[in-house]
Structures are given as C-alpha cells and as structure tokens.
N, C-alpha and C. Protein backbone atom coordinates (compact mmCIF):
# COMPACT_ATOMS: atom_id res chain seq x y z
N MET A 1 202.26 239.08 22.64
CA MET A 1 203.32 239.15 23.79
C MET A 1 204.55 239.28 23.50
N LEU A 2 205.41 240.17 23.90
CA LEU A 2 206.84 240.20 23.44
C LEU A 2 207.54 240.13 24.65
N ASP A 3 208.28 239.44 25.20
CA ASP A 3 209.47 239.32 26.28
C ASP A 3 210.78 239.62 25.69
N ILE A 4 211.53 240.53 26.29
CA ILE A 4 212.92 240.86 25.96
C ILE A 4 213.77 240.74 27.14
N LYS A 5 214.81 239.93 27.13
CA LYS A 5 215.93 239.84 28.06
C LYS A 5 217.21 240.18 27.73
N LEU A 6 217.96 240.98 28.17
CA LEU A 6 218.97 241.73 27.93
C LEU A 6 220.23 241.56 29.05
N LYS A 7 221.17 240.79 28.56
CA LYS A 7 222.30 240.61 29.88
C LYS A 7 223.53 241.50 29.40
N TYR A 8 224.12 242.21 30.33
CA TYR A 8 225.24 243.13 30.00
C TYR A 8 226.37 242.04 30.40
N LEU A 9 227.30 241.90 29.24
CA LEU A 9 228.38 240.98 29.46
C LEU A 9 229.47 241.79 29.91
N THR A 10 229.77 243.18 30.02
CA THR A 10 230.71 244.01 30.65
C THR A 10 229.90 245.33 31.17
N THR A 11 230.57 245.84 31.98
CA THR A 11 230.06 246.92 32.87
C THR A 11 230.09 248.04 31.76
N GLN A 12 228.85 248.87 31.81
CA GLN A 12 228.84 249.96 30.91
C GLN A 12 228.06 250.95 31.80
N GLU A 13 229.05 252.07 32.10
CA GLU A 13 228.67 253.47 32.82
C GLU A 13 227.97 252.74 34.34
N ASN A 14 226.73 252.96 34.82
CA ASN A 14 226.22 252.64 36.07
C ASN A 14 225.93 251.14 36.18
N ILE A 15 225.86 250.32 35.06
CA ILE A 15 225.21 249.10 34.95
C ILE A 15 226.38 248.09 34.95
N THR A 16 226.30 247.39 36.00
CA THR A 16 227.44 246.37 36.27
C THR A 16 227.40 244.93 35.42
N ALA A 17 228.70 244.30 35.05
CA ALA A 17 228.41 243.24 34.27
C ALA A 17 227.70 242.08 34.91
N GLY A 18 226.79 241.41 33.96
CA GLY A 18 225.67 240.47 34.69
C GLY A 18 224.54 240.87 34.76
N SER A 19 224.13 242.18 34.82
CA SER A 19 222.93 242.59 35.12
C SER A 19 221.85 242.28 34.09
N ILE A 20 220.69 242.24 34.33
CA ILE A 20 219.77 241.62 33.29
C ILE A 20 218.63 242.72 33.37
N VAL A 21 218.35 243.32 31.91
CA VAL A 21 217.04 244.04 31.90
C VAL A 21 216.08 243.13 31.15
N SER A 22 215.07 243.00 31.93
CA SER A 22 213.93 242.22 31.32
C SER A 22 212.68 242.88 31.06
N THR A 23 212.15 242.93 29.88
CA THR A 23 211.15 243.80 29.52
C THR A 23 209.95 243.06 29.00
N HIS A 24 208.61 243.23 29.30
CA HIS A 24 207.31 242.55 28.85
C HIS A 24 206.52 243.64 28.22
N PHE A 25 206.11 243.03 27.01
CA PHE A 25 204.98 243.96 26.20
C PHE A 25 203.76 243.20 25.95
N ASP A 26 202.63 243.61 26.11
CA ASP A 26 201.33 242.75 25.72
C ASP A 26 201.00 243.50 24.63
N LEU A 27 200.97 242.70 23.52
CA LEU A 27 200.65 243.54 22.18
C LEU A 27 199.14 243.02 21.94
N SER A 28 198.33 243.99 21.54
CA SER A 28 197.13 243.75 20.87
C SER A 28 196.75 244.48 19.79
N ARG A 29 195.54 244.09 19.04
CA ARG A 29 195.12 245.10 18.10
C ARG A 29 193.50 244.75 18.09
N VAL A 30 192.92 245.90 17.91
CA VAL A 30 191.47 246.05 17.96
C VAL A 30 191.20 246.26 16.65
N SER A 31 190.24 245.63 16.04
CA SER A 31 189.73 245.65 14.62
C SER A 31 188.01 245.94 14.52
N ASP A 32 187.55 246.70 13.54
CA ASP A 32 186.20 246.59 13.88
C ASP A 32 186.15 246.42 11.80
N ALA A 33 185.48 245.48 11.44
CA ALA A 33 185.27 245.18 9.98
C ALA A 33 184.45 246.24 9.44
N SER A 34 183.59 247.12 10.12
CA SER A 34 182.59 248.02 9.38
C SER A 34 183.28 249.47 9.37
N GLN A 35 184.47 249.45 9.86
CA GLN A 35 185.19 250.86 9.70
C GLN A 35 185.86 250.93 8.18
N THR A 36 185.67 252.11 7.77
CA THR A 36 186.31 252.21 6.49
C THR A 36 187.69 252.72 6.63
N GLY A 37 188.90 252.81 5.95
CA GLY A 37 189.84 253.40 6.10
C GLY A 37 191.18 252.30 5.39
N ASN A 38 192.29 252.33 5.85
CA ASN A 38 193.27 251.43 5.39
C ASN A 38 193.11 249.94 5.84
N THR A 39 193.89 249.09 5.75
CA THR A 39 193.72 247.67 6.05
C THR A 39 193.76 247.47 7.35
N ASN A 40 194.18 248.36 8.48
CA ASN A 40 194.40 248.13 9.76
C ASN A 40 193.25 249.01 10.52
N GLY A 41 192.19 249.51 9.65
CA GLY A 41 190.87 250.39 10.49
C GLY A 41 191.00 251.65 10.64
N CYS A 42 192.36 252.15 10.52
CA CYS A 42 192.34 253.45 10.91
C CYS A 42 191.93 254.48 9.70
N ARG A 43 191.21 255.35 10.11
CA ARG A 43 190.97 256.47 9.21
C ARG A 43 191.93 257.46 8.93
N THR A 44 192.71 257.90 9.86
CA THR A 44 193.61 258.87 10.01
C THR A 44 194.86 258.41 10.66
N ILE A 45 196.09 258.39 10.18
CA ILE A 45 197.30 258.02 10.79
C ILE A 45 198.01 259.20 10.84
N VAL A 46 198.42 259.69 12.24
CA VAL A 46 199.28 260.90 12.52
C VAL A 46 200.54 260.48 13.10
N TRP A 47 201.83 261.08 12.70
CA TRP A 47 203.17 260.84 13.24
C TRP A 47 203.28 261.59 14.45
N GLU A 48 203.40 261.16 15.51
CA GLU A 48 203.49 261.76 16.95
C GLU A 48 204.90 261.60 17.50
N ASN A 49 205.38 262.58 18.03
CA ASN A 49 206.64 262.10 19.08
C ASN A 49 206.22 261.31 20.33
N ARG A 50 206.65 260.20 20.57
CA ARG A 50 206.39 259.26 21.90
C ARG A 50 207.76 258.85 22.38
N ASN A 51 207.93 258.74 23.65
CA ASN A 51 208.91 258.37 24.43
C ASN A 51 208.87 256.91 24.36
N VAL A 52 209.86 256.32 23.99
CA VAL A 52 210.27 254.87 23.62
C VAL A 52 211.51 254.27 24.47
N PHE A 53 211.27 253.21 25.27
CA PHE A 53 212.38 252.73 25.96
C PHE A 53 213.39 252.21 24.97
N ASN A 54 214.72 252.50 25.54
CA ASN A 54 216.04 252.02 24.59
C ASN A 54 216.72 251.05 25.60
N LEU A 55 216.60 249.67 24.91
CA LEU A 55 217.10 248.57 25.55
C LEU A 55 218.59 248.68 25.65
N TYR A 56 219.37 249.48 24.98
CA TYR A 56 220.79 249.64 24.87
C TYR A 56 221.34 250.61 25.86
N SER A 57 220.49 251.74 26.00
CA SER A 57 221.26 252.82 26.93
C SER A 57 220.47 252.57 28.22
N GLY A 58 219.33 251.88 28.16
CA GLY A 58 218.65 251.82 29.56
C GLY A 58 217.42 252.99 29.79
N GLY A 59 217.62 253.94 28.68
CA GLY A 59 216.94 255.22 29.02
C GLY A 59 215.83 255.24 27.98
N VAL A 60 215.22 256.57 27.75
CA VAL A 60 214.06 256.80 27.06
C VAL A 60 214.40 257.70 25.89
N ASP A 61 213.99 257.46 24.80
CA ASP A 61 214.45 258.00 23.43
C ASP A 61 213.03 258.78 23.14
N LEU A 62 213.17 260.01 22.52
CA LEU A 62 211.60 260.45 21.80
C LEU A 62 211.85 260.23 20.33
N ILE A 63 210.91 259.54 19.88
CA ILE A 63 210.78 258.92 18.42
C ILE A 63 209.62 259.23 17.94
N ARG A 64 209.48 259.46 16.61
CA ARG A 64 208.18 259.86 15.96
C ARG A 64 207.79 258.43 15.63
N VAL A 65 206.45 258.27 15.80
CA VAL A 65 205.95 256.90 15.68
C VAL A 65 204.35 257.11 15.08
N PRO A 66 203.88 256.18 14.07
CA PRO A 66 202.45 256.22 13.85
C PRO A 66 201.33 255.80 14.49
N VAL A 67 200.39 256.95 14.84
CA VAL A 67 199.42 256.78 15.80
C VAL A 67 198.07 256.73 15.02
N CYS A 68 197.36 255.90 15.09
CA CYS A 68 195.82 255.77 14.72
C CYS A 68 194.83 256.90 15.23
N HIS A 69 194.33 257.59 14.52
CA HIS A 69 193.20 258.77 15.15
C HIS A 69 191.98 258.30 14.30
N ASN A 70 190.90 258.11 14.82
CA ASN A 70 189.77 257.74 14.09
C ASN A 70 188.51 258.85 14.60
C-alpha cells in the first residue's frame, strides 16, 4: 500500500493554495515458484508506453514502463 498526500503551499495555475491531492495505490505482486524466468517470475519483459499520474502537474504523463508478459 502506498498513500501520497500533496498540499499546495501556493496557488499554481487553477489549483488554489491549501488544496490537497490524495492518492492511494494498492501494490501487489503475484509470484509462482514453478515458473522459469528472471527473479520476479517474468519470462518476457516488454517496455510499453503507459499513462502515469503526475503529482506535480496534476495531469497524466506518457512514460515507458517495464511490463511482464508471460
């Protein structure tokens, strides 16, 4: 679990000072000891473009991230 709270101390564009951005992520890992591959159980890791929330701008950025394909 990852909880992030970001409070704006000054007004930035359309976000007023004192605004709080709260984000919660439930992180989990599924592993199967019988699989062959690297240490996290992935047989193939592919870099793909994914939309990732940007805490600083409040928007979404397109970022290349590793994705497990079995």
